[in-house]
N, C-alpha and C. Protein backbone atom coordinates (compact mmCIF):
# COMPACT_ATOMS: atom_id res chain seq x y z
N MET A 1 0.73 -1.47 -0.10
CA MET A 1 -0.31 -0.18 0.04
C MET A 1 0.83 1.02 0.18
N ARG A 2 0.73 2.21 -0.63
CA ARG A 2 1.00 3.48 -0.92
C ARG A 2 0.51 4.21 0.27
N GLY A 3 1.26 5.53 0.44
CA GLY A 3 1.04 7.13 0.81
C GLY A 3 -0.28 7.19 1.26
N ARG A 4 -0.92 8.21 2.02
CA ARG A 4 -2.46 8.34 1.94
C ARG A 4 -2.11 9.78 1.11
N THR A 5 -2.64 10.19 0.06
CA THR A 5 -2.98 11.06 -1.06
C THR A 5 -4.10 11.78 -0.78
N THR A 6 -4.37 13.00 -0.65
CA THR A 6 -5.62 14.02 -0.95
C THR A 6 -6.03 14.55 -2.33
N SER A 7 -6.84 15.13 -2.49
CA SER A 7 -6.94 15.65 -4.00
C SER A 7 -6.99 17.36 -3.46
N PRO A 8 -6.68 18.08 -4.58
CA PRO A 8 -6.41 19.27 -4.35
C PRO A 8 -8.17 20.24 -4.03
N ALA A 9 -9.05 19.23 -4.44
CA ALA A 9 -10.55 20.10 -3.98
C ALA A 9 -10.97 19.97 -2.52
N GLY A 10 -9.95 18.66 -1.74
CA GLY A 10 -11.05 18.71 -0.13
C GLY A 10 -9.84 17.66 0.16
N GLY A 11 -10.15 17.77 1.22
CA GLY A 11 -8.91 16.98 2.22
C GLY A 11 -7.97 17.71 2.95
N LEU A 12 -6.91 16.77 3.58
CA LEU A 12 -6.02 17.66 5.07
C LEU A 12 -5.74 18.95 3.78
N GLY A 13 -4.94 19.14 3.15
CA GLY A 13 -4.15 20.32 2.81
C GLY A 13 -5.04 21.69 2.63
N ALA A 14 -6.00 21.52 2.41
CA ALA A 14 -7.46 22.58 2.16
C ALA A 14 -7.30 23.33 3.26
N GLU A 15 -7.68 22.50 4.31
CA GLU A 15 -7.91 23.01 5.53
C GLU A 15 -6.57 24.01 6.47
N THR A 16 -5.43 23.87 5.90
CA THR A 16 -4.07 24.76 6.54
C THR A 16 -4.52 26.22 5.79
N GLY A 17 -4.61 26.27 5.14
CA GLY A 17 -5.16 27.86 4.59
C GLY A 17 -6.72 28.31 5.52
N VAL A 18 -7.21 27.56 6.19
CA VAL A 18 -8.47 27.98 6.15
C VAL A 18 -7.98 28.57 8.00
N VAL A 19 -7.23 27.87 8.50
CA VAL A 19 -6.46 27.96 9.52
C VAL A 19 -5.24 29.40 9.61
N SER A 20 -5.01 29.12 8.37
CA SER A 20 -4.28 30.26 8.86
C SER A 20 -5.01 31.93 8.49
N LEU A 21 -6.00 31.73 7.70
CA LEU A 21 -7.23 32.39 7.52
C LEU A 21 -7.37 33.04 8.98
N PHE A 22 -8.24 32.26 9.40
CA PHE A 22 -8.29 32.05 10.90
C PHE A 22 -7.83 33.02 11.82
N VAL A 23 -6.70 32.61 12.09
CA VAL A 23 -5.45 33.29 12.86
C VAL A 23 -5.17 34.63 12.86
N ALA A 24 -5.04 34.98 11.03
CA ALA A 24 -5.02 36.13 10.58
C ALA A 24 -5.77 37.08 10.89
N VAL A 25 -7.09 36.35 10.85
CA VAL A 25 -8.39 37.49 11.45
C VAL A 25 -8.79 37.71 13.03
N LEU A 26 -8.15 36.88 13.76
CA LEU A 26 -8.06 36.77 14.69
C LEU A 26 -6.93 37.52 15.43
N PHE A 27 -6.15 37.70 14.65
CA PHE A 27 -4.68 38.53 15.10
C PHE A 27 -5.05 39.99 14.84
N VAL A 28 -5.72 40.72 13.36
CA VAL A 28 -6.12 41.80 13.44
C VAL A 28 -7.28 42.69 14.77
N ALA A 29 -8.06 41.20 14.34
CA ALA A 29 -9.19 41.59 15.84
C ALA A 29 -8.54 42.30 17.17
N PHE A 30 -7.45 41.38 17.53
CA PHE A 30 -6.74 41.59 19.05
C PHE A 30 -5.83 42.99 18.74
N LEU A 31 -5.21 42.86 17.99
CA LEU A 31 -5.08 44.53 17.48
C LEU A 31 -5.48 45.61 17.86
N LEU A 32 -7.15 45.67 16.92
CA LEU A 32 -7.76 46.49 17.06
C LEU A 32 -8.73 46.72 18.63
N ILE A 33 -8.81 45.82 19.19
CA ILE A 33 -9.26 45.79 20.48
C ILE A 33 -7.99 46.48 21.75
N ALA A 34 -6.67 45.78 21.36
CA ALA A 34 -5.68 46.66 22.07
C ALA A 34 -5.63 48.18 21.97
N GLY A 35 -5.48 48.00 20.75
CA GLY A 35 -5.47 49.99 20.20
C GLY A 35 -6.73 50.90 21.18
N ILE A 36 -8.04 50.12 21.12
CA ILE A 36 -8.84 50.61 21.15
C ILE A 36 -9.28 50.97 22.74
N VAL A 37 -8.48 49.50 23.51
CA VAL A 37 -8.28 49.96 25.03
C VAL A 37 -6.88 50.82 25.61
N ILE A 38 -6.11 51.13 24.69
CA ILE A 38 -5.25 52.11 24.82
C ILE A 38 -5.26 53.65 24.94
N ASP A 39 -6.20 53.38 23.69
CA ASP A 39 -6.41 55.00 23.54
C ASP A 39 -7.32 55.35 24.33
N SER A 40 -8.70 54.41 24.97
CA SER A 40 -9.24 55.31 25.75
C SER A 40 -9.05 55.22 26.72
N ALA A 41 -7.44 54.43 27.31
CA ALA A 41 -7.48 55.07 28.43
C ALA A 41 -6.57 56.34 28.46
N GLU A 42 -5.81 56.49 27.29
CA GLU A 42 -4.90 57.69 27.29
C GLU A 42 -6.13 58.80 27.50
N LEU A 43 -7.06 58.88 26.65
CA LEU A 43 -8.31 59.88 26.48
C LEU A 43 -8.92 60.11 28.13
N ARG A 44 -9.41 59.14 28.90
CA ARG A 44 -9.62 59.17 30.02
C ARG A 44 -8.80 59.81 30.78
N GLY A 45 -7.15 59.85 30.84
CA GLY A 45 -6.22 60.35 31.68
C GLY A 45 -6.48 61.78 31.41
N GLN A 46 -6.37 62.19 29.67
CA GLN A 46 -6.06 63.54 29.40
C GLN A 46 -7.47 63.79 30.20
N ARG A 47 -8.70 63.34 29.58
CA ARG A 47 -9.84 64.17 30.48
C ARG A 47 -10.26 64.52 31.65
N ARG A 48 -9.13 63.89 32.42
CA ARG A 48 -9.09 63.79 33.78
C ARG A 48 -8.41 65.15 34.32
N ALA A 49 -7.07 64.91 33.98
CA ALA A 49 -5.95 66.54 33.79
C ALA A 49 -7.11 67.29 33.54
N LEU A 50 -7.51 67.50 32.24
CA LEU A 50 -8.09 68.72 31.99
C LEU A 50 -9.36 69.51 32.42
N SER A 51 -9.87 68.26 33.43
CA SER A 51 -10.99 68.50 34.45
C SER A 51 -10.10 68.93 35.24
N ASP A 52 -9.20 68.22 35.78
CA ASP A 52 -8.58 69.11 37.38
C ASP A 52 -8.06 70.47 36.66
N LEU A 53 -7.52 70.60 35.65
CA LEU A 53 -7.21 72.10 35.81
C LEU A 53 -7.98 72.94 35.28
N ALA A 54 -9.14 73.07 34.67
CA ALA A 54 -10.00 73.58 34.29
C ALA A 54 -10.67 73.87 36.02
N ARG A 55 -10.99 73.26 36.92
CA ARG A 55 -11.32 73.23 38.54
C ARG A 55 -10.38 74.44 39.19
N GLN A 56 -9.16 73.84 39.04
CA GLN A 56 -8.23 74.96 39.72
C GLN A 56 -7.78 75.96 39.19
N ALA A 57 -7.96 76.78 37.72
CA ALA A 57 -8.72 77.86 37.36
C ALA A 57 -9.71 78.46 37.64
N ALA A 58 -10.73 78.05 37.98
CA ALA A 58 -11.92 78.26 38.52
C ALA A 58 -11.89 78.73 40.28
N ARG A 59 -11.15 77.53 40.75
CA ARG A 59 -10.50 78.07 42.28
C ARG A 59 -9.55 79.31 42.36
N ALA A 60 -9.05 79.45 41.51
CA ALA A 60 -7.84 80.54 41.46
C ALA A 60 -8.89 81.87 40.81
N ALA A 61 -9.77 82.08 39.78
CA ALA A 61 -10.58 83.08 39.74
C ALA A 61 -11.25 83.82 40.87
N VAL A 62 -11.74 82.75 41.73
CA VAL A 62 -12.92 83.06 42.81
C VAL A 62 -12.31 83.28 44.08
N GLN A 63 -10.86 83.64 43.62
CA GLN A 63 -10.11 83.67 45.02
C GLN A 63 -9.49 85.68 44.99
N GLU A 64 -10.29 86.07 43.75
CA GLU A 64 -9.80 87.49 43.94
C GLU A 64 -11.37 88.68 43.89
N VAL A 65 -11.91 88.07 45.49
CA VAL A 65 -12.32 89.17 45.39
C VAL A 65 -12.80 90.24 45.45
N ASP A 66 -13.46 91.42 45.19
CA ASP A 66 -13.57 92.39 45.48
C ASP A 66 -13.68 93.15 46.92
N VAL A 67 -11.97 93.35 47.51
CA VAL A 67 -11.97 93.78 49.11
C VAL A 67 -13.17 94.68 49.51
N THR A 68 -13.02 96.22 48.52
CA THR A 68 -13.69 97.61 48.60
C THR A 68 -15.49 97.23 48.72
N VAL A 69 -15.74 96.27 47.47
CA VAL A 69 -17.00 96.20 48.10
C VAL A 69 -17.59 95.24 48.93
N TYR A 70 -17.03 94.02 49.21
CA TYR A 70 -16.82 93.74 50.52
C TYR A 70 -17.10 94.65 51.78
N ARG A 71 -16.13 95.38 51.97
CA ARG A 71 -16.45 96.28 52.90
C ARG A 71 -17.50 97.48 53.17
N LEU A 72 -18.10 97.87 51.94
CA LEU A 72 -19.23 98.78 51.68
C LEU A 72 -20.50 98.19 52.16
N THR A 73 -20.40 97.03 51.46
CA THR A 73 -21.73 96.16 51.14
C THR A 73 -21.76 95.14 51.61
N GLY A 74 -20.83 94.56 52.27
CA GLY A 74 -21.09 92.73 52.88
C GLY A 74 -21.71 91.93 52.00
N THR A 75 -21.26 92.15 50.88
CA THR A 75 -21.83 91.35 49.87
C THR A 75 -20.36 90.58 48.78
N VAL A 76 -20.63 89.26 48.53
CA VAL A 76 -19.16 89.07 47.97
C VAL A 76 -18.91 89.11 46.56
N ARG A 77 -18.29 90.04 46.02
CA ARG A 77 -18.44 89.87 44.50
C ARG A 77 -16.74 89.77 43.73
N LEU A 78 -17.12 89.04 42.89
CA LEU A 78 -15.66 89.31 42.38
C LEU A 78 -14.78 90.53 41.46
N ASP A 79 -13.72 90.44 41.36
CA ASP A 79 -13.03 91.86 40.58
C ASP A 79 -12.84 90.52 39.01
N SER A 80 -13.80 91.50 38.54
CA SER A 80 -13.89 90.46 37.35
C SER A 80 -12.44 90.52 36.61
N ASP A 81 -11.62 91.90 36.50
CA ASP A 81 -10.11 91.32 35.37
C ASP A 81 -9.29 90.88 36.09
N ALA A 82 -9.30 90.98 37.84
CA ALA A 82 -8.55 89.96 38.11
C ALA A 82 -8.58 88.49 38.47
N ALA A 83 -9.99 88.41 38.28
CA ALA A 83 -10.19 87.02 38.37
C ALA A 83 -10.13 86.58 36.71
N VAL A 84 -10.55 87.33 36.11
CA VAL A 84 -9.92 86.35 34.66
C VAL A 84 -8.52 86.55 34.45
N SER A 85 -7.55 87.19 34.99
CA SER A 85 -6.26 86.99 34.75
C SER A 85 -5.51 85.93 35.29
N ALA A 86 -6.20 85.81 36.34
CA ALA A 86 -5.90 84.42 37.87
C ALA A 86 -6.02 83.30 36.64
N ALA A 87 -7.45 82.99 36.13
CA ALA A 87 -7.80 81.99 35.88
C ALA A 87 -7.08 81.45 34.50
N ARG A 88 -6.58 82.59 34.32
CA ARG A 88 -6.09 82.01 32.50
C ARG A 88 -4.63 82.12 33.13
N ALA A 89 -3.99 82.67 33.87
CA ALA A 89 -2.69 82.48 34.34
C ALA A 89 -2.49 81.01 34.40
N VAL A 90 -3.69 80.39 35.04
CA VAL A 90 -3.55 79.38 35.58
C VAL A 90 -3.29 77.76 34.24
N ALA A 91 -4.19 78.46 33.31
CA ALA A 91 -4.42 77.68 31.95
C ALA A 91 -3.10 78.01 31.43
N ALA A 92 -2.46 79.13 31.41
CA ALA A 92 -1.25 79.80 30.48
C ALA A 92 -0.13 78.46 31.39
N ARG A 93 -0.17 78.04 32.29
CA ARG A 93 0.91 77.21 32.96
C ARG A 93 1.16 75.90 32.20
N SER A 94 -0.28 75.59 31.61
CA SER A 94 -0.06 74.31 30.82
C SER A 94 -0.38 74.87 29.28
N GLY A 95 -0.25 75.52 28.76
CA GLY A 95 0.05 76.12 27.24
C GLY A 95 -1.56 76.31 26.92
N LEU A 96 -2.23 76.72 27.55
CA LEU A 96 -3.59 76.14 27.44
C LEU A 96 -4.50 77.60 27.09
N ASP A 97 -5.38 77.99 26.67
CA ASP A 97 -6.62 79.36 26.65
C ASP A 97 -7.66 79.23 27.18
N ALA A 98 -7.61 79.59 28.31
CA ALA A 98 -9.08 79.34 29.00
C ALA A 98 -9.88 80.61 28.67
N ASP A 99 -11.11 79.92 28.67
CA ASP A 99 -12.58 80.91 28.22
C ASP A 99 -12.86 80.88 29.55
N VAL A 100 -13.00 82.32 29.74
CA VAL A 100 -13.65 82.61 31.26
C VAL A 100 -14.75 83.16 31.30
N THR A 101 -15.74 83.00 32.34
CA THR A 101 -16.61 84.24 32.47
C THR A 101 -16.79 84.31 33.95
N VAL A 102 -17.28 85.95 34.00
CA VAL A 102 -17.22 86.30 35.95
C VAL A 102 -18.67 86.56 35.70
N GLN A 103 -19.66 85.80 36.91
CA GLN A 103 -20.55 86.79 37.45
C GLN A 103 -20.96 86.84 38.62
N SER A 104 -20.78 87.68 39.14
CA SER A 104 -20.89 88.54 40.48
C SER A 104 -20.07 87.35 41.50
N ASP A 105 -20.25 86.02 42.04
CA ASP A 105 -19.33 86.02 43.04
C ASP A 105 -19.37 84.15 42.42
N ARG A 106 -19.48 84.29 40.92
CA ARG A 106 -19.37 82.81 40.69
C ARG A 106 -17.89 82.84 39.41
N ALA A 107 -17.47 81.92 39.04
CA ALA A 107 -16.46 82.09 37.78
C ALA A 107 -16.52 80.65 37.38
N SER A 108 -16.74 80.51 35.94
CA SER A 108 -16.61 79.67 35.17
C SER A 108 -15.60 79.67 33.98
N VAL A 109 -14.69 78.39 34.21
CA VAL A 109 -13.97 78.66 33.12
C VAL A 109 -13.89 76.80 31.94
N SER A 110 -13.73 77.19 30.84
CA SER A 110 -13.72 76.27 29.77
C SER A 110 -12.48 75.82 29.02
N LEU A 111 -12.22 74.68 28.80
CA LEU A 111 -10.95 74.48 28.43
C LEU A 111 -10.93 73.95 27.47
N SER A 112 -9.93 73.52 26.19
CA SER A 112 -10.12 72.30 25.76
C SER A 112 -8.63 72.07 24.67
N ARG A 113 -8.45 71.01 24.52
CA ARG A 113 -6.93 71.00 24.04
C ARG A 113 -7.28 69.08 23.12
N ASP A 114 -6.09 69.34 22.14
CA ASP A 114 -6.24 68.30 21.05
C ASP A 114 -5.25 67.34 21.58
N VAL A 115 -5.83 66.02 21.45
CA VAL A 115 -5.15 64.71 22.08
C VAL A 115 -4.96 63.86 21.51
N SER A 116 -3.71 63.61 20.57
CA SER A 116 -3.32 62.48 19.67
C SER A 116 -4.01 61.09 20.11
N VAL A 117 -4.26 60.46 19.40
CA VAL A 117 -4.94 59.07 19.04
C VAL A 117 -3.81 58.57 18.77
N ARG A 118 -2.56 58.04 19.55
CA ARG A 118 -1.75 56.96 18.85
C ARG A 118 -1.80 55.46 18.28
N VAL A 119 -2.79 54.65 18.88
CA VAL A 119 -2.98 53.57 18.02
C VAL A 119 -3.47 53.39 17.02
N LEU A 120 -4.75 53.91 16.94
CA LEU A 120 -5.75 54.17 16.13
C LEU A 120 -6.06 55.10 15.79
N GLY A 121 -5.44 55.58 15.21
CA GLY A 121 -5.15 57.65 14.47
C GLY A 121 -5.33 57.58 13.42
N LEU A 122 -6.68 57.02 13.28
CA LEU A 122 -7.42 56.99 11.80
C LEU A 122 -7.96 58.60 11.28
N GLY A 123 -7.75 59.06 10.27
CA GLY A 123 -8.04 60.34 9.59
C GLY A 123 -7.38 61.66 10.32
N SER A 124 -7.90 61.97 11.14
CA SER A 124 -6.55 63.37 11.84
C SER A 124 -6.15 62.88 12.67
N GLY A 125 -6.11 61.73 13.56
CA GLY A 125 -5.31 61.63 14.39
C GLY A 125 -5.30 62.13 16.02
N SER A 126 -6.11 62.91 15.86
CA SER A 126 -6.16 63.70 16.89
C SER A 126 -7.61 63.80 17.58
N VAL A 127 -8.11 64.05 18.62
CA VAL A 127 -9.79 63.87 19.38
C VAL A 127 -9.33 65.21 20.37
N ARG A 128 -10.34 66.00 19.90
CA ARG A 128 -10.34 67.69 20.89
C ARG A 128 -11.37 67.32 22.05
N LEU A 129 -10.53 67.46 23.41
CA LEU A 129 -11.04 67.37 24.60
C LEU A 129 -11.44 68.42 25.23
N SER A 130 -12.44 68.44 25.87
CA SER A 130 -13.33 69.99 26.66
C SER A 130 -13.31 69.80 27.90
N ALA A 131 -13.57 70.50 28.79
CA ALA A 131 -13.73 70.38 30.25
C ALA A 131 -13.99 71.89 30.78
N SER A 132 -14.86 71.79 31.60
CA SER A 132 -15.56 73.02 32.18
C SER A 132 -15.63 72.89 33.60
N ALA A 133 -15.36 74.34 34.13
CA ALA A 133 -15.75 74.08 36.16
C ALA A 133 -16.19 75.63 36.41
N GLU A 134 -17.10 75.60 37.46
CA GLU A 134 -17.27 76.50 38.40
C GLU A 134 -17.05 76.60 39.40
N ALA A 135 -17.12 77.73 40.00
CA ALA A 135 -16.95 77.85 41.49
C ALA A 135 -17.34 79.24 41.80
N ARG A 136 -18.02 79.20 43.26
CA ARG A 136 -18.48 80.19 43.69
C ARG A 136 -17.68 80.64 45.14
N ALA A 137 -17.28 82.04 45.02
CA ALA A 137 -16.33 82.65 45.81
C ALA A 137 -17.42 82.82 47.03
N THR A 138 -16.81 82.48 48.59
CA THR A 138 -17.49 82.71 50.51
C THR A 138 -16.41 83.68 50.54
N TRP A 139 -16.83 84.18 51.96
CA TRP A 139 -16.10 84.57 52.41
C TRP A 139 -16.56 84.25 53.94
N GLY A 140 -15.35 83.98 54.54
CA GLY A 140 -15.31 83.98 55.91
C GLY A 140 -15.92 82.62 56.46
N VAL A 141 -17.16 82.43 57.20
CA VAL A 141 -17.24 80.99 57.44
C VAL A 141 -18.69 81.15 57.24
N SER A 142 -18.83 79.72 56.22
CA SER A 142 -20.19 79.36 55.79
C SER A 142 -20.99 78.30 56.16
N ALA A 143 -22.19 78.14 56.93
CA ALA A 143 -22.57 76.87 57.53
C ALA A 143 -23.53 76.40 56.74
N GLY A 144 -23.66 75.33 55.93
CA GLY A 144 -24.88 74.24 55.50
C GLY A 144 -24.48 74.53 54.23
N ARG A 145 -23.44 75.22 53.47
CA ARG A 145 -23.57 75.58 51.80
C ARG A 145 -22.50 74.29 51.58
């Protein structure tokens, strides 16, 4: 008896191509999933850092209380120019421009930044992240707020 032969139309030889294709598809799928995980973790960290920076800038702004108005009337009001300058100075240390709004005793800060997507940089290769924060100025001890 001679060795076993298979025909080109079916048998053992045809299955090796299917296995190779299956492994190739699984490998590409694994790379895509790994890329999504890596990029989403990076974006989450950058968004958290941007949000923290917006809160710091808002807190810096509400430290600029107009002392003269407080002494005359007893109401807390921000010095608008000083509050905007303080918030923008905090953002500028990170190389960002802040959009600052001051109303009476409140300051709102909005920041945005482009973050590069390293693994799955399809298209532009970057994502625009935005964060905003608001703070309220108080003077002295405030109970129940």
